[in-house]
Protein backbone atom coordinates (compact mmCIF):
# COMPACT_ATOMS: atom_id res chain seq x y z
CA UNK A 1 1.46 -10.34 -23.83
CA UNK A 2 -0.05 -8.11 -26.52
CA UNK A 3 -0.90 -5.46 -23.94
CA UNK A 4 2.61 -5.68 -22.50
CA UNK A 5 4.15 -5.22 -25.96
CA UNK A 6 2.02 -2.13 -26.63
CA UNK A 7 2.89 -0.58 -23.26
CA UNK A 8 6.62 -1.24 -23.59
CA UNK A 9 6.60 0.36 -27.06
CA UNK A 10 4.74 3.44 -25.79
CA UNK A 11 7.12 3.72 -22.85
CA UNK A 12 10.04 4.04 -25.27
CA UNK A 13 8.18 6.25 -27.76
CA UNK A 14 5.65 8.65 -26.23
CA UNK A 15 4.39 9.61 -29.69
CA UNK A 16 2.54 6.26 -29.62
CA UNK A 17 0.26 7.71 -26.90
CA UNK A 18 -1.58 9.43 -29.75
CA UNK A 19 -2.50 6.04 -31.25
CA UNK A 20 -5.98 4.65 -30.49
CA UNK A 21 -4.55 1.15 -29.94
CA UNK A 22 -2.24 2.46 -27.22
CA UNK A 23 -5.03 4.38 -25.49
CA UNK A 24 -7.28 1.30 -25.47
CA UNK A 25 -4.45 -0.87 -24.08
CA UNK A 26 -3.73 1.56 -21.24
CA UNK A 27 -7.40 1.94 -20.31
CA UNK A 28 -7.90 -1.84 -20.40
CA UNK A 29 -5.05 -2.32 -17.92
CA UNK A 30 -6.40 0.38 -15.58
CA UNK A 31 -9.84 -1.25 -15.68
CA UNK A 32 -8.27 -4.62 -14.79
CA UNK A 33 -6.36 -2.99 -11.92
CA UNK A 34 -9.63 -1.50 -10.64
CA UNK A 35 -11.24 -4.95 -10.41
CA UNK A 36 -8.16 -6.76 -9.12
CA UNK A 37 -7.65 -8.85 -12.26
CA UNK A 38 -4.19 -7.34 -12.69
CA UNK A 39 -1.67 -6.26 -10.06
CA UNK A 40 1.44 -4.12 -10.22
CA UNK A 41 3.10 -6.75 -8.03
CA UNK A 42 1.99 -10.13 -6.75
CA UNK A 43 3.20 -12.63 -4.14
CA UNK A 44 4.95 -15.75 -5.40
CA UNK A 45 4.78 -19.31 -4.11
CA UNK A 46 8.21 -19.00 -2.44
CA UNK A 47 7.12 -16.04 -0.31
CA UNK A 48 8.73 -13.34 -2.45
CA UNK A 49 7.14 -10.78 -4.76
CA UNK A 50 7.06 -10.46 -8.53
CA UNK A 51 6.87 -6.89 -9.86
CA UNK A 52 5.03 -6.41 -13.15
CA UNK A 53 6.94 -3.37 -14.40
CA UNK A 54 4.85 -3.04 -17.55
CA UNK A 55 1.67 -2.66 -15.51
CA UNK A 56 3.30 0.08 -13.43
CA UNK A 57 4.35 1.78 -16.68
CA UNK A 58 0.73 1.67 -17.85
CA UNK A 59 -0.32 3.50 -14.68
CA UNK A 60 2.23 6.24 -15.37
CA UNK A 61 1.20 6.46 -19.03
CA UNK A 62 -2.46 6.79 -18.04
CA UNK A 63 -1.86 10.32 -16.75
CA UNK A 64 -0.84 12.02 -20.03
CA UNK A 65 -3.78 10.54 -21.99
CA UNK A 66 -6.35 11.77 -19.46
CA UNK A 67 -7.96 15.21 -19.69
CA UNK A 68 -8.65 17.49 -16.75
CA UNK A 69 -12.32 17.56 -15.82
CA UNK A 70 -14.59 18.82 -13.09
CA UNK A 71 -16.02 16.07 -10.89
CA UNK A 72 -19.03 16.90 -8.73
CA UNK A 73 -19.97 14.69 -5.79
CA UNK A 74 -23.00 16.16 -4.09
CA UNK A 75 -21.88 19.54 -2.71
CA UNK A 76 -18.20 18.69 -3.31
CA UNK A 77 -16.19 19.45 -6.43
CA UNK A 78 -12.83 18.16 -7.68
CA UNK A 79 -10.75 19.14 -10.72
CA UNK A 80 -8.48 16.29 -11.82
CA UNK A 81 -7.56 13.87 -14.60
CA UNK A 82 -8.59 10.77 -12.68
CA UNK A 83 -12.10 9.51 -12.02
CA UNK A 84 -13.07 8.46 -8.52
CA UNK A 85 -13.78 4.85 -7.62
CA UNK A 86 -17.50 3.98 -7.41
CA UNK A 87 -19.93 1.12 -6.63
CA UNK A 88 -18.60 0.51 -3.12
CA UNK A 89 -21.76 -1.24 -1.90
CA UNK A 90 -21.53 -3.81 -4.69
CA UNK A 91 -17.89 -4.43 -3.83
CA UNK A 92 -18.58 -4.82 -0.11
CA UNK A 93 -16.39 -1.87 0.88
CA UNK A 94 -17.26 0.57 3.67
CA UNK A 95 -16.28 4.17 2.83
CA UNK A 96 -16.72 6.91 5.44
CA UNK A 97 -16.89 10.55 4.28
CA UNK A 98 -14.39 12.03 3.31
CA UNK A 99 -12.51 8.94 2.15
CA UNK A 100 -11.32 8.96 -1.47
CA UNK A 101 -10.08 6.17 -3.72
CA UNK A 102 -9.12 6.69 -7.34
CA UNK A 103 -10.41 4.58 -10.18
CA UNK A 104 -7.75 1.96 -10.91
CA UNK A 105 -7.21 1.10 -7.23
CA UNK A 106 -8.50 -2.29 -6.07
CA UNK A 107 -10.34 -2.58 -2.75
CA UNK A 108 -11.35 -6.11 -1.76
CA UNK A 109 -14.57 -6.94 0.03
CA UNK A 110 -14.42 -6.08 3.73
CA UNK A 111 -12.06 -3.13 3.38
CA UNK A 112 -12.95 -0.14 5.57
CA UNK A 113 -11.85 3.36 4.59
CA UNK A 114 -12.13 6.04 7.23
CA UNK A 115 -11.42 9.59 5.90
CA UNK A 116 -8.32 8.51 3.98
CA UNK A 117 -6.85 8.12 0.49
CA UNK A 118 -6.01 5.20 -1.81
CA UNK A 119 -4.21 6.02 -5.06
CA UNK A 120 -4.39 4.45 -8.53
CA UNK A 121 -2.68 1.08 -8.98
CA UNK A 122 -2.88 0.19 -5.29
CA UNK A 123 -4.18 -3.23 -4.17
CA UNK A 124 -5.82 -3.45 -0.73
CA UNK A 125 -6.84 -6.95 0.33
CA UNK A 126 -9.87 -8.01 2.36
CA UNK A 127 -10.50 -6.93 5.93
CA UNK A 128 -7.96 -4.10 5.94
CA UNK A 129 -8.74 -0.88 7.82
CA UNK A 130 -7.38 2.36 6.32
CA UNK A 131 -7.88 4.77 9.21
CA UNK A 132 -8.24 8.54 9.36
CA UNK A 133 -5.81 10.49 7.13
CA UNK A 134 -3.87 7.35 6.29
CA UNK A 135 -2.59 7.02 2.71
CA UNK A 136 -2.07 4.00 0.47
CA UNK A 137 0.12 5.31 -2.34
CA UNK A 138 0.11 4.50 -6.04
CA UNK A 139 0.84 0.81 -6.75
CA UNK A 140 1.31 -0.15 -3.07
CA UNK A 141 0.29 -3.75 -2.34
CA UNK A 142 -1.47 -4.34 0.99
CA UNK A 143 -2.34 -7.77 2.40
CA UNK A 144 -5.34 -9.05 4.33
CA UNK A 145 -6.59 -7.68 7.65
CA UNK A 146 -4.00 -4.92 8.00
CA UNK A 147 -4.58 -1.84 10.13
CA UNK A 148 -3.38 1.66 9.21
CA UNK A 149 -3.66 4.09 12.10
CA UNK A 150 -3.87 7.90 11.82
CA UNK A 151 -1.46 9.51 9.34
CA UNK A 152 0.28 6.24 8.53
CA UNK A 153 0.70 4.88 5.05
CA UNK A 154 2.51 3.51 2.07
CA UNK A 155 3.81 6.48 0.12
CA UNK A 156 4.97 6.52 -3.49
CA UNK A 157 5.04 3.67 -5.94
CA UNK A 158 5.48 -0.04 -5.18
CA UNK A 159 5.79 -1.33 -1.65
CA UNK A 160 4.50 -4.69 -0.47
CA UNK A 161 2.77 -5.60 2.77
CA UNK A 162 2.20 -9.33 3.18
CA UNK A 163 -0.57 -8.74 5.71
CA UNK A 164 -1.95 -12.11 6.69
CA UNK A 165 -2.73 -14.61 3.94
CA UNK A 166 -5.28 -17.40 4.15
CA UNK A 167 -7.94 -17.51 6.84
CA UNK A 168 -5.94 -16.01 9.71
CA UNK A 169 -7.56 -13.23 11.70
CA UNK A 170 -4.75 -10.69 11.87
CA UNK A 171 -2.53 -8.70 9.55
CA UNK A 172 0.15 -6.03 9.84
CA UNK A 173 -0.39 -2.95 12.01
CA UNK A 174 0.94 0.51 11.08
CA UNK A 175 0.98 2.96 13.98
CA UNK A 176 0.55 6.74 14.00
CA UNK A 177 2.71 8.60 11.44
CA UNK A 178 4.57 5.54 10.19
CA UNK A 179 5.67 5.82 6.55
CA UNK A 180 6.68 3.04 4.15
CA UNK A 181 8.01 3.99 0.71
CA UNK A 182 8.98 2.28 -2.52
CA UNK A 183 10.94 -0.95 -2.39
CA UNK A 184 10.07 -2.06 1.17
CA UNK A 185 8.44 -5.41 1.97
CA UNK A 186 6.72 -6.02 5.30
CA UNK A 187 6.32 -9.61 6.51
CA UNK A 188 2.93 -10.86 7.70
CA UNK A 189 1.64 -9.77 11.11
CA UNK A 190 4.45 -7.24 11.67
CA UNK A 191 3.82 -4.16 13.85
CA UNK A 192 5.35 -0.91 12.58
CA UNK A 193 5.59 1.53 15.50
CA UNK A 194 4.63 5.19 15.59
CA UNK A 195 7.00 7.47 13.70
CA UNK A 196 8.87 4.72 11.84
CA UNK A 197 9.98 5.66 8.32
CA UNK A 198 11.25 2.89 6.06
CA UNK A 199 12.85 3.27 2.64
CA UNK A 200 14.62 0.69 0.48
CA UNK A 201 17.95 1.85 1.94
CA UNK A 202 16.88 2.19 5.59
CA UNK A 203 18.85 0.10 8.05
CA UNK A 204 16.47 -2.18 9.95
CA UNK A 205 18.34 -3.73 12.86
CA UNK A 206 17.16 -6.66 14.97
CA UNK A 207 18.49 -5.95 18.46
CA UNK A 208 16.74 -8.80 20.25
CA UNK A 209 19.75 -11.12 20.27
CA UNK A 210 23.30 -10.88 21.59
CA UNK A 211 24.45 -9.55 18.19
CA UNK A 212 22.63 -7.13 15.88
CA UNK A 213 21.14 -8.51 12.65
CA UNK A 214 20.69 -5.98 9.85
CA UNK A 215 18.04 -5.94 7.11
CA UNK A 216 17.38 -3.54 4.24
CA UNK A 217 14.04 -3.21 2.52
CA UNK A 218 12.50 -6.06 4.51
CA UNK A 219 10.82 -6.54 7.89
CA UNK A 220 10.48 -10.20 8.98
CA UNK A 221 7.06 -11.57 9.99
CA UNK A 222 5.64 -10.59 13.42
CA UNK A 223 8.48 -8.15 14.09
CA UNK A 224 7.80 -5.14 16.31
CA UNK A 225 9.62 -2.13 14.84
CA UNK A 226 10.34 1.25 16.48
CA UNK A 227 12.36 4.32 15.40
CA UNK A 228 16.04 4.33 16.31
CA UNK A 229 19.30 6.09 15.46
CA UNK A 230 22.89 5.17 14.63
CA UNK A 231 26.07 7.13 15.22
CA UNK A 232 27.80 7.89 11.91
CA UNK A 233 31.10 9.64 11.32
CA UNK A 234 31.25 12.58 8.89
CA UNK A 235 34.13 14.96 8.10
CA UNK A 236 32.41 17.54 10.31
CA UNK A 237 31.95 15.13 13.21
CA UNK A 238 29.82 12.27 14.47
CA UNK A 239 26.07 12.55 14.11
CA UNK A 240 23.00 10.41 14.71
CA UNK A 241 21.21 9.14 11.59
CA UNK A 242 17.79 7.47 11.57
CA UNK A 243 17.33 3.71 11.50
CA UNK A 244 14.63 1.26 12.59
CA UNK A 245 14.97 -1.23 15.42
CA UNK A 246 13.30 -4.63 15.73
CA UNK A 247 12.79 -4.91 19.48
CA UNK A 248 10.73 -8.08 19.73
CA UNK A 249 7.93 -10.23 18.41
CA UNK A 250 4.25 -9.38 18.27
CA UNK A 251 2.43 -10.31 21.49
CA UNK A 252 -0.72 -12.35 21.90
CA UNK A 253 -2.44 -9.29 23.40
CA UNK A 254 -2.03 -7.47 20.07
CA UNK A 255 -3.56 -10.45 18.28
CA UNK A 256 -6.52 -10.38 20.66
CA UNK A 257 -7.15 -6.71 19.94
CA UNK A 258 -7.29 -7.23 16.17
CA UNK A 259 -9.39 -10.38 16.59
CA UNK A 260 -11.87 -8.38 18.68
CA UNK A 261 -12.23 -5.83 15.89
CA UNK A 262 -12.93 -8.67 13.45
CA UNK A 263 -15.54 -10.18 15.74
CA UNK A 264 -17.32 -6.83 16.16
CA UNK A 265 -17.51 -6.35 12.39
CA UNK A 266 -18.65 -9.90 11.68
CA UNK A 267 -21.50 -9.53 14.19
CA UNK A 268 -22.58 -6.15 12.81
CA UNK A 269 -21.50 -4.23 15.90
CA UNK A 270 -20.70 -0.61 14.99
CA UNK A 271 -17.00 0.28 15.12
């Protein structure tokens, strides 16, 4: 509560960023985010999510108190305010060159990062694969055993992916060039099809029944989602606007594929 009070005060008065107490509070929160002791958002017992706004504010306030510096990694050089995450072996995380995660992002044991990017404040739970050129944006919350395919990702601030809690073997799947942005929650074991873009205001329409069922900012568990369009009337005429369509439920064959990947990893077979 003391940290929260300091952050809320600094949020209202940026002059407090010059105070040593404020700097220590911000850096303490970022360190706790890095180890998973704090989260920008967390699942609740009733299946919803609680957003810790003050933690998110600390992430934003971290930027102005950091100084630009040159970071050398072997033959590579970066020039940024943020340090890179380190000690992957100790954390049980596989990181393939040229994958990058910022300090202040939490990666649980069993996470695999192909050449990809995870930003500060993000939380990526165990067994998740972040594939080539995929992005997990600042403060995004990703569940267990999810799979991000090429160019997919959670962009911008807080979005929540339930993944697959407990000891189940499968999580959500994000296909090629799918994009999820702030304010969207994905139910466990959902499949987001190639090219789907979801925002908090996107219409997500279940077309599997005799009547359409509309959602905003939420994809139910095990839903299979593809890009769609809706006709909308404007003064200049009728035009198609993007939406997302729920066309069915995840199949057992998809579950088998993700279970096979798990089995290969658990038996030390290269993938």
